[in-house]
């Protein structure tokens, strides 16, 4: 259509460049971090007691199967307790998903594109690369470059190396 010989790999690379550029601009504007990548509470599952009760069997089953809580203990819990446990579980799952996405994209655990990744994608603007590095340094000082998920002994965060993106 354009007269250019473009492969699907070229299109994927262009998409990645675009997405990283947008994220870097969001960081520049004070956004584009883990705290900004949150889905609405409504999306995390049952929000009200009525909603929980309308699908009680399904949600109770999730507490047993995904949380390892005995059926007997689930039956003793209040609906509010059940809602809290399900929300915390789903929030942790979302944090682990974010961890994996940030790692795969070459971003920091706080979701900031790294200068190394941007340079790899062909961005060489020194001002932008410095801005990203300054943000990463500030995040380090503020303790924000940590994985968000709670990992059990059988699970592992995407990387245990502090500055994995510099390798």
N, C-alpha and C. Protein backbone atom coordinates (compact mmCIF):
# COMPACT_ATOMS: atom_id res chain seq x y z
N UNK A 1 0.82 -1.19 0.00
CA UNK A 1 0.00 0.00 0.00
C UNK A 1 0.88 1.27 0.00
N UNK A 2 1.97 1.26 0.74
CA UNK A 2 2.85 2.43 0.81
C UNK A 2 3.94 2.39 -0.25
N UNK A 3 4.13 1.23 -0.85
CA UNK A 3 5.23 1.08 -1.79
C UNK A 3 6.51 0.65 -1.11
N UNK A 4 6.47 0.51 0.21
CA UNK A 4 7.63 0.05 0.96
C UNK A 4 7.54 -1.45 1.17
N UNK A 5 8.67 -2.10 1.19
CA UNK A 5 8.70 -3.52 1.51
C UNK A 5 8.77 -3.64 3.03
N UNK A 6 7.63 -3.86 3.66
CA UNK A 6 7.55 -3.93 5.11
C UNK A 6 7.12 -5.34 5.51
N UNK A 7 7.93 -5.93 6.38
CA UNK A 7 7.60 -7.27 6.87
C UNK A 7 6.77 -7.14 8.15
N UNK A 8 6.20 -8.26 8.58
CA UNK A 8 5.45 -8.22 9.83
C UNK A 8 6.38 -7.91 11.00
N UNK A 9 7.64 -8.32 10.92
CA UNK A 9 8.61 -7.99 11.97
C UNK A 9 8.86 -6.49 12.03
N UNK A 10 8.91 -5.85 10.85
CA UNK A 10 9.06 -4.38 10.80
C UNK A 10 7.88 -3.70 11.47
N UNK A 11 6.68 -4.20 11.22
CA UNK A 11 5.49 -3.62 11.82
C UNK A 11 5.48 -3.79 13.34
N UNK A 12 5.92 -4.96 13.80
CA UNK A 12 6.00 -5.20 15.24
C UNK A 12 7.02 -4.27 15.89
N UNK A 13 8.16 -4.09 15.23
CA UNK A 13 9.18 -3.17 15.74
C UNK A 13 8.66 -1.74 15.79
N UNK A 14 7.95 -1.32 14.76
CA UNK A 14 7.38 0.03 14.76
C UNK A 14 6.37 0.19 15.89
N UNK A 15 5.59 -0.82 16.12
CA UNK A 15 4.62 -0.79 17.22
C UNK A 15 5.34 -0.67 18.56
N UNK A 16 6.41 -1.43 18.72
CA UNK A 16 7.18 -1.38 19.97
C UNK A 16 7.82 0.00 20.14
N UNK A 17 8.33 0.56 19.07
CA UNK A 17 8.93 1.90 19.14
C UNK A 17 7.87 2.93 19.55
N UNK A 18 6.71 2.83 18.96
CA UNK A 18 5.63 3.76 19.25
C UNK A 18 5.20 3.64 20.72
N UNK A 19 5.02 2.43 21.17
CA UNK A 19 4.57 2.21 22.55
C UNK A 19 5.60 2.72 23.55
N UNK A 20 6.87 2.46 23.30
CA UNK A 20 7.92 2.93 24.20
C UNK A 20 8.03 4.46 24.16
N UNK A 21 7.88 5.04 22.98
CA UNK A 21 7.92 6.49 22.87
C UNK A 21 6.78 7.11 23.67
N UNK A 22 5.59 6.56 23.53
CA UNK A 22 4.44 7.07 24.30
C UNK A 22 4.69 6.95 25.80
N UNK A 23 5.24 5.84 26.22
CA UNK A 23 5.51 5.63 27.64
C UNK A 23 6.56 6.64 28.13
N UNK A 24 7.60 6.86 27.35
CA UNK A 24 8.63 7.84 27.73
C UNK A 24 8.02 9.24 27.84
N UNK A 25 7.13 9.58 26.94
CA UNK A 25 6.49 10.90 27.02
C UNK A 25 5.60 10.99 28.26
N UNK A 26 4.94 9.91 28.60
CA UNK A 26 4.14 9.89 29.83
C UNK A 26 5.01 10.09 31.06
N UNK A 27 6.18 9.46 31.07
CA UNK A 27 7.12 9.64 32.18
C UNK A 27 7.53 11.11 32.25
N UNK A 28 7.83 11.70 31.12
CA UNK A 28 8.22 13.10 31.06
C UNK A 28 7.12 14.00 31.64
N UNK A 29 5.85 13.60 31.44
CA UNK A 29 4.72 14.38 31.93
C UNK A 29 4.32 14.00 33.36
N UNK A 30 5.13 13.15 34.00
CA UNK A 30 4.85 12.80 35.40
C UNK A 30 3.96 11.59 35.58
N UNK A 31 3.73 10.85 34.52
CA UNK A 31 2.91 9.63 34.59
C UNK A 31 3.78 8.47 34.10
N UNK A 32 3.13 7.41 33.59
CA UNK A 32 3.89 6.32 32.99
C UNK A 32 4.71 5.52 33.98
N UNK A 33 4.10 5.22 35.13
CA UNK A 33 4.77 4.42 36.15
C UNK A 33 3.80 3.36 36.64
N UNK A 34 4.29 2.48 37.48
CA UNK A 34 3.47 1.38 38.00
C UNK A 34 2.16 1.90 38.59
N UNK A 35 2.23 2.96 39.38
CA UNK A 35 1.02 3.47 40.04
C UNK A 35 -0.04 3.93 39.03
N UNK A 36 0.39 4.23 37.82
CA UNK A 36 -0.54 4.70 36.79
C UNK A 36 -1.13 3.56 35.97
N UNK A 37 -0.59 2.38 36.12
CA UNK A 37 -1.04 1.22 35.35
C UNK A 37 -2.01 0.38 36.17
N UNK A 38 -3.04 0.97 36.61
CA UNK A 38 -3.96 0.23 37.46
C UNK A 38 -5.32 0.17 36.80
N UNK A 39 -5.94 -0.98 36.90
CA UNK A 39 -7.26 -1.14 36.32
C UNK A 39 -8.31 -0.79 37.37
N UNK A 40 -9.51 -0.45 36.96
CA UNK A 40 -10.54 -0.06 37.92
C UNK A 40 -10.88 -1.20 38.90
N UNK A 41 -11.20 -0.81 40.11
CA UNK A 41 -11.60 -1.76 41.15
C UNK A 41 -12.69 -2.68 40.63
N UNK A 42 -13.59 -2.15 39.87
CA UNK A 42 -14.72 -2.90 39.31
C UNK A 42 -14.23 -4.10 38.48
N UNK A 43 -13.07 -3.97 37.88
CA UNK A 43 -12.54 -5.03 37.02
C UNK A 43 -11.90 -6.17 37.80
N UNK A 44 -11.74 -5.99 39.09
CA UNK A 44 -11.03 -6.98 39.90
C UNK A 44 -11.95 -8.07 40.45
N UNK A 45 -13.20 -8.04 40.07
CA UNK A 45 -14.08 -9.11 40.53
C UNK A 45 -15.27 -8.58 41.28
N UNK A 46 -15.86 -9.42 42.10
CA UNK A 46 -17.07 -8.97 42.80
C UNK A 46 -16.75 -7.78 43.69
N UNK A 47 -17.59 -6.76 43.61
CA UNK A 47 -17.37 -5.53 44.36
C UNK A 47 -18.35 -5.42 45.52
N UNK A 48 -19.55 -5.86 45.32
CA UNK A 48 -20.58 -5.74 46.36
C UNK A 48 -20.94 -7.12 46.91
N UNK A 49 -21.51 -7.10 48.08
CA UNK A 49 -21.96 -8.36 48.68
C UNK A 49 -23.04 -9.01 47.81
N UNK A 50 -23.91 -8.18 47.25
CA UNK A 50 -24.99 -8.72 46.41
C UNK A 50 -24.39 -9.43 45.19
N UNK A 51 -23.38 -8.82 44.61
CA UNK A 51 -22.74 -9.44 43.45
C UNK A 51 -22.09 -10.76 43.84
N UNK A 52 -21.42 -10.78 44.99
CA UNK A 52 -20.79 -12.01 45.45
C UNK A 52 -21.85 -13.09 45.64
N UNK A 53 -22.93 -12.74 46.30
CA UNK A 53 -23.98 -13.72 46.60
C UNK A 53 -24.66 -14.23 45.34
N UNK A 54 -24.72 -13.41 44.30
CA UNK A 54 -25.36 -13.84 43.05
C UNK A 54 -24.57 -14.95 42.37
N UNK A 55 -23.27 -15.07 42.70
CA UNK A 55 -22.44 -16.12 42.12
C UNK A 55 -21.60 -16.78 43.22
N UNK A 56 -22.22 -16.97 44.35
CA UNK A 56 -21.55 -17.46 45.55
C UNK A 56 -20.79 -18.76 45.29
N UNK A 57 -21.39 -19.71 44.63
CA UNK A 57 -20.74 -21.00 44.39
C UNK A 57 -19.44 -20.80 43.61
N UNK A 58 -19.50 -19.97 42.60
CA UNK A 58 -18.31 -19.71 41.77
C UNK A 58 -17.20 -19.07 42.60
N UNK A 59 -17.53 -18.03 43.34
CA UNK A 59 -16.50 -17.32 44.11
C UNK A 59 -15.99 -18.16 45.28
N UNK A 60 -16.87 -18.90 45.93
CA UNK A 60 -16.41 -19.79 47.01
C UNK A 60 -15.45 -20.84 46.45
N UNK A 61 -15.76 -21.34 45.28
CA UNK A 61 -14.90 -22.34 44.63
C UNK A 61 -13.51 -21.74 44.35
N UNK A 62 -13.47 -20.48 43.93
CA UNK A 62 -12.18 -19.82 43.69
C UNK A 62 -11.37 -19.70 44.97
N UNK A 63 -12.04 -19.41 46.08
CA UNK A 63 -11.33 -19.32 47.36
C UNK A 63 -10.71 -20.66 47.74
N UNK A 64 -11.42 -21.73 47.46
CA UNK A 64 -10.92 -23.06 47.78
C UNK A 64 -9.80 -23.45 46.82
N UNK A 65 -10.04 -23.32 45.53
CA UNK A 65 -9.08 -23.80 44.53
C UNK A 65 -7.86 -22.90 44.36
N UNK A 66 -8.05 -21.60 44.38
CA UNK A 66 -6.93 -20.69 44.10
C UNK A 66 -6.24 -20.20 45.36
N UNK A 67 -6.95 -20.20 46.46
CA UNK A 67 -6.37 -19.71 47.71
C UNK A 67 -5.99 -20.84 48.66
N UNK A 68 -6.51 -22.04 48.40
CA UNK A 68 -6.19 -23.17 49.26
C UNK A 68 -6.90 -23.13 50.60
N UNK A 69 -7.98 -22.39 50.69
CA UNK A 69 -8.76 -22.31 51.92
C UNK A 69 -9.74 -23.47 51.92
N UNK A 70 -9.88 -24.13 53.03
CA UNK A 70 -10.79 -25.27 53.09
C UNK A 70 -12.24 -24.81 52.93
N UNK A 71 -13.05 -25.67 52.37
CA UNK A 71 -14.47 -25.36 52.18
C UNK A 71 -15.12 -25.02 53.51
N UNK A 72 -14.74 -25.72 54.55
CA UNK A 72 -15.28 -25.49 55.90
C UNK A 72 -14.96 -24.07 56.38
N UNK A 73 -13.71 -23.65 56.16
CA UNK A 73 -13.31 -22.29 56.57
C UNK A 73 -13.99 -21.23 55.71
N UNK A 74 -14.18 -21.50 54.43
CA UNK A 74 -14.86 -20.55 53.55
C UNK A 74 -16.28 -20.34 54.04
N UNK A 75 -16.94 -21.40 54.44
CA UNK A 75 -18.32 -21.29 54.91
C UNK A 75 -18.44 -20.47 56.19
N UNK A 76 -17.38 -20.41 56.98
CA UNK A 76 -17.40 -19.64 58.24
C UNK A 76 -17.15 -18.15 58.01
N UNK A 77 -16.59 -17.79 56.86
CA UNK A 77 -16.22 -16.40 56.59
C UNK A 77 -17.43 -15.53 56.26
N UNK A 78 -17.29 -14.23 56.56
CA UNK A 78 -18.31 -13.28 56.13
C UNK A 78 -18.07 -12.98 54.66
N UNK A 79 -19.08 -12.45 54.01
CA UNK A 79 -18.94 -12.10 52.61
C UNK A 79 -17.88 -11.00 52.46
N UNK A 80 -17.82 -10.07 53.39
CA UNK A 80 -16.80 -9.01 53.33
C UNK A 80 -15.39 -9.60 53.38
N UNK A 81 -15.17 -10.60 54.22
CA UNK A 81 -13.85 -11.25 54.29
C UNK A 81 -13.52 -11.92 52.95
N UNK A 82 -14.50 -12.58 52.39
CA UNK A 82 -14.31 -13.25 51.11
C UNK A 82 -13.97 -12.24 50.00
N UNK A 83 -14.70 -11.12 50.00
CA UNK A 83 -14.43 -10.08 49.01
C UNK A 83 -13.01 -9.56 49.14
N UNK A 84 -12.56 -9.32 50.37
CA UNK A 84 -11.22 -8.80 50.60
C UNK A 84 -10.16 -9.78 50.11
N UNK A 85 -10.34 -11.06 50.44
CA UNK A 85 -9.35 -12.08 50.04
C UNK A 85 -9.28 -12.20 48.52
N UNK A 86 -10.44 -12.23 47.87
CA UNK A 86 -10.45 -12.33 46.41
C UNK A 86 -9.80 -11.10 45.77
N UNK A 87 -10.11 -9.93 46.30
CA UNK A 87 -9.52 -8.71 45.74
C UNK A 87 -8.01 -8.73 45.91
N UNK A 88 -7.51 -9.07 47.08
CA UNK A 88 -6.07 -9.11 47.32
C UNK A 88 -5.38 -10.11 46.40
N UNK A 89 -6.02 -11.26 46.20
CA UNK A 89 -5.46 -12.27 45.29
C UNK A 89 -5.37 -11.72 43.87
N UNK A 90 -6.45 -11.15 43.41
CA UNK A 90 -6.48 -10.64 42.04
C UNK A 90 -5.53 -9.46 41.86
N UNK A 91 -5.42 -8.63 42.87
CA UNK A 91 -4.47 -7.52 42.80
C UNK A 91 -3.04 -8.05 42.69
N UNK A 92 -2.72 -9.07 43.48
CA UNK A 92 -1.39 -9.65 43.42
C UNK A 92 -1.13 -10.29 42.05
N UNK A 93 -2.12 -10.95 41.49
CA UNK A 93 -1.98 -11.54 40.16
C UNK A 93 -1.71 -10.45 39.13
N UNK A 94 -2.41 -9.34 39.25
CA UNK A 94 -2.21 -8.22 38.33
C UNK A 94 -0.80 -7.64 38.48
N UNK A 95 -0.33 -7.54 39.72
CA UNK A 95 1.03 -7.03 39.96
C UNK A 95 2.07 -7.96 39.32
N UNK A 96 1.87 -9.25 39.44
CA UNK A 96 2.80 -10.21 38.84
C UNK A 96 2.77 -10.11 37.31
N UNK A 97 1.60 -9.90 36.76
CA UNK A 97 1.48 -9.71 35.32
C UNK A 97 2.21 -8.44 34.90
N UNK A 98 2.05 -7.37 35.65
CA UNK A 98 2.77 -6.12 35.37
C UNK A 98 4.27 -6.35 35.44
N UNK A 99 4.72 -7.08 36.46
CA UNK A 99 6.15 -7.40 36.57
C UNK A 99 6.67 -8.06 35.30
N UNK A 100 5.94 -9.05 34.83
CA UNK A 100 6.36 -9.79 33.63
C UNK A 100 6.37 -8.89 32.40
N UNK A 101 5.35 -8.04 32.27
CA UNK A 101 5.28 -7.14 31.12
C UNK A 101 6.41 -6.13 31.15
N UNK A 102 6.66 -5.52 32.29
CA UNK A 102 7.74 -4.53 32.40
C UNK A 102 9.08 -5.18 32.07
N UNK A 103 9.31 -6.36 32.59
CA UNK A 103 10.58 -7.04 32.33
C UNK A 103 10.73 -7.33 30.84
N UNK A 104 9.68 -7.87 30.25
CA UNK A 104 9.73 -8.23 28.82
C UNK A 104 9.94 -7.01 27.94
N UNK A 105 9.37 -5.89 28.34
CA UNK A 105 9.51 -4.66 27.55
C UNK A 105 10.87 -4.00 27.75
N UNK A 106 11.62 -4.43 28.77
CA UNK A 106 12.92 -3.81 29.04
C UNK A 106 12.79 -2.57 29.89
N UNK A 107 11.73 -2.51 30.68
CA UNK A 107 11.48 -1.38 31.56
C UNK A 107 11.94 -1.72 32.97
N UNK A 108 11.96 -0.71 33.83
CA UNK A 108 12.29 -0.94 35.23
C UNK A 108 11.10 -1.57 35.95
N UNK A 109 11.30 -2.08 37.16
CA UNK A 109 10.16 -2.63 37.91
C UNK A 109 9.07 -1.58 38.20
N UNK A 110 9.40 -0.30 38.09
CA UNK A 110 8.39 0.75 38.27
C UNK A 110 7.73 1.13 36.94
N UNK A 111 8.08 0.43 35.86
CA UNK A 111 7.43 0.65 34.58
C UNK A 111 8.00 1.77 33.73
N UNK A 112 9.22 2.18 34.01
CA UNK A 112 9.86 3.26 33.24
C UNK A 112 10.73 2.66 32.14
N UNK A 113 10.54 3.10 30.89
CA UNK A 113 11.42 2.62 29.83
C UNK A 113 12.86 3.02 30.14
N UNK A 114 13.77 2.12 29.93
CA UNK A 114 15.17 2.40 30.24
C UNK A 114 15.86 3.07 29.06
N UNK A 115 16.87 3.88 29.34
CA UNK A 115 17.63 4.48 28.24
C UNK A 115 18.21 3.40 27.32
N UNK A 116 18.62 2.28 27.90
CA UNK A 116 19.18 1.20 27.10
C UNK A 116 18.15 0.67 26.10
N UNK A 117 16.91 0.49 26.56
CA UNK A 117 15.85 -0.01 25.67
C UNK A 117 15.54 1.01 24.58
N UNK A 118 15.45 2.27 24.97
CA UNK A 118 15.14 3.30 23.99
C UNK A 118 16.25 3.40 22.94
N UNK A 119 17.48 3.32 23.38
CA UNK A 119 18.61 3.38 22.45
C UNK A 119 18.58 2.18 21.50
N UNK A 120 18.26 1.01 22.06
CA UNK A 120 18.15 -0.22 21.25
C UNK A 120 17.09 -0.06 20.17
N UNK A 121 16.03 0.69 20.48
CA UNK A 121 14.94 0.90 19.52
C UNK A 121 15.23 2.03 18.53
N UNK A 122 16.41 2.65 18.68
CA UNK A 122 16.80 3.67 17.73
C UNK A 122 16.61 5.10 18.20
N UNK A 123 16.23 5.29 19.45
CA UNK A 123 16.07 6.64 19.99
C UNK A 123 17.41 7.08 20.60
N UNK A 124 17.89 8.21 20.13
CA UNK A 124 19.20 8.65 20.61
C UNK A 124 19.18 10.08 21.15
N UNK A 125 18.00 10.66 21.32
CA UNK A 125 17.91 12.02 21.84
C UNK A 125 18.46 12.05 23.27
N UNK A 126 19.55 12.75 23.44
CA UNK A 126 20.25 12.76 24.74
C UNK A 126 19.38 13.32 25.86
N UNK A 127 18.57 14.31 25.54
CA UNK A 127 17.69 14.92 26.55
C UNK A 127 16.67 13.90 27.07
N UNK A 128 16.08 13.14 26.15
CA UNK A 128 15.11 12.14 26.54
C UNK A 128 15.78 11.02 27.35
N UNK A 129 16.92 10.54 26.88
CA UNK A 129 17.61 9.45 27.58
C UNK A 129 18.04 9.90 28.98
N UNK A 130 18.48 11.14 29.12
CA UNK A 130 18.87 11.66 30.43
C UNK A 130 17.64 11.78 31.34
N UNK A 131 16.53 12.24 30.80
CA UNK A 131 15.30 12.36 31.58
C UNK A 131 14.89 11.00 32.14
N UNK A 132 14.95 9.96 31.30
CA UNK A 132 14.60 8.62 31.76
C UNK A 132 15.57 8.13 32.83
N UNK A 133 16.86 8.36 32.62
CA UNK A 133 17.85 7.93 33.60
C UNK A 133 17.65 8.68 34.92
N UNK A 134 17.35 9.96 34.86
CA UNK A 134 17.09 10.74 36.08
C UNK A 134 15.88 10.20 36.82
N UNK A 135 14.85 9.80 36.08
CA UNK A 135 13.65 9.23 36.71
C UNK A 135 13.99 7.90 37.37
N UNK A 136 14.77 7.08 36.71
CA UNK A 136 15.17 5.79 37.27
C UNK A 136 15.99 6.00 38.53
N UNK A 137 16.90 6.96 38.50
CA UNK A 137 17.72 7.27 39.68
C UNK A 137 16.85 7.75 40.83
N UNK A 138 15.88 8.61 40.54
CA UNK A 138 14.95 9.09 41.58
C UNK A 138 14.12 7.94 42.13
N UNK A 139 13.66 7.05 41.26
CA UNK A 139 12.90 5.88 41.70
C UNK A 139 13.74 5.00 42.63
N UNK A 140 15.02 4.86 42.30
CA UNK A 140 15.93 4.08 43.15
C UNK A 140 15.99 4.69 44.55
N UNK A 141 16.17 6.00 44.60
CA UNK A 141 16.24 6.70 45.88
C UNK A 141 14.96 6.53 46.69
N UNK A 142 13.83 6.53 46.01
CA UNK A 142 12.52 6.44 46.67
C UNK A 142 12.03 5.01 46.87
N UNK A 143 12.86 4.04 46.53
CA UNK A 143 12.50 2.63 46.73
C UNK A 143 11.39 2.13 45.83
N UNK A 144 11.26 2.70 44.65
CA UNK A 144 10.17 2.33 43.74
C UNK A 144 10.55 1.28 42.70
N UNK A 145 11.82 0.96 42.60
CA UNK A 145 12.25 -0.04 41.61
C UNK A 145 12.26 -1.43 42.23
N UNK A 146 11.08 -1.86 42.64
CA UNK A 146 10.90 -3.21 43.21
C UNK A 146 9.72 -3.87 42.52
N UNK A 147 9.78 -5.17 42.41
CA UNK A 147 8.68 -5.91 41.79
C UNK A 147 7.45 -5.80 42.68
N UNK A 148 6.29 -5.74 42.05
CA UNK A 148 5.04 -5.50 42.78
C UNK A 148 4.37 -6.74 43.31
N UNK A 149 4.61 -7.90 42.70
CA UNK A 149 3.94 -9.12 43.13
C UNK A 149 4.54 -9.70 44.39
N UNK A 150 3.72 -10.49 45.08
CA UNK A 150 4.19 -11.23 46.25
C UNK A 150 4.46 -12.66 45.78
N UNK A 151 5.72 -13.03 45.77
CA UNK A 151 6.11 -14.32 45.21
C UNK A 151 6.31 -15.35 46.32
N UNK A 152 5.70 -16.51 46.14
CA UNK A 152 5.86 -17.61 47.10
C UNK A 152 7.20 -18.30 46.84
N UNK A 153 7.52 -19.27 47.66
CA UNK A 153 8.81 -19.95 47.50
C UNK A 153 8.92 -20.69 46.17
N UNK A 154 7.79 -21.06 45.58
CA UNK A 154 7.79 -21.76 44.29
C UNK A 154 7.78 -20.81 43.10
N UNK A 155 7.62 -19.52 43.37
CA UNK A 155 7.55 -18.53 42.30
C UNK A 155 8.78 -17.62 42.39
N UNK A 156 9.05 -16.96 41.27
CA UNK A 156 10.19 -16.06 41.25
C UNK A 156 9.83 -14.81 40.46
N UNK A 157 10.32 -13.65 40.88
CA UNK A 157 10.10 -12.45 40.07
C UNK A 157 10.84 -12.60 38.75
N UNK A 158 10.53 -11.77 37.78
CA UNK A 158 11.19 -11.89 36.47
C UNK A 158 12.71 -11.85 36.53
N UNK A 159 13.27 -11.11 37.47
CA UNK A 159 14.72 -11.04 37.60
C UNK A 159 15.07 -10.73 39.05
N UNK A 160 16.18 -11.27 39.49
CA UNK A 160 16.66 -10.95 40.84
C UNK A 160 17.82 -9.96 40.77
N UNK A 161 18.27 -9.65 39.56
CA UNK A 161 19.34 -8.68 39.38
C UNK A 161 18.77 -7.27 39.48
N UNK A 162 19.44 -6.45 40.30
CA UNK A 162 18.93 -5.12 40.58
C UNK A 162 18.77 -4.26 39.32
N UNK A 163 19.77 -4.18 38.48
CA UNK A 163 19.68 -3.39 37.25
C UNK A 163 19.80 -4.30 36.04
N UNK A 164 18.88 -5.23 35.92
CA UNK A 164 18.93 -6.24 34.86
C UNK A 164 18.97 -5.61 33.47
N UNK A 165 18.41 -4.45 33.30
CA UNK A 165 18.35 -3.81 31.97
C UNK A 165 19.71 -3.29 31.51
N UNK A 166 20.66 -3.18 32.41
CA UNK A 166 21.99 -2.67 32.03
C UNK A 166 22.89 -3.78 31.48
N UNK A 167 22.47 -5.02 31.56
CA UNK A 167 23.29 -6.14 31.10
C UNK A 167 23.19 -6.32 29.61
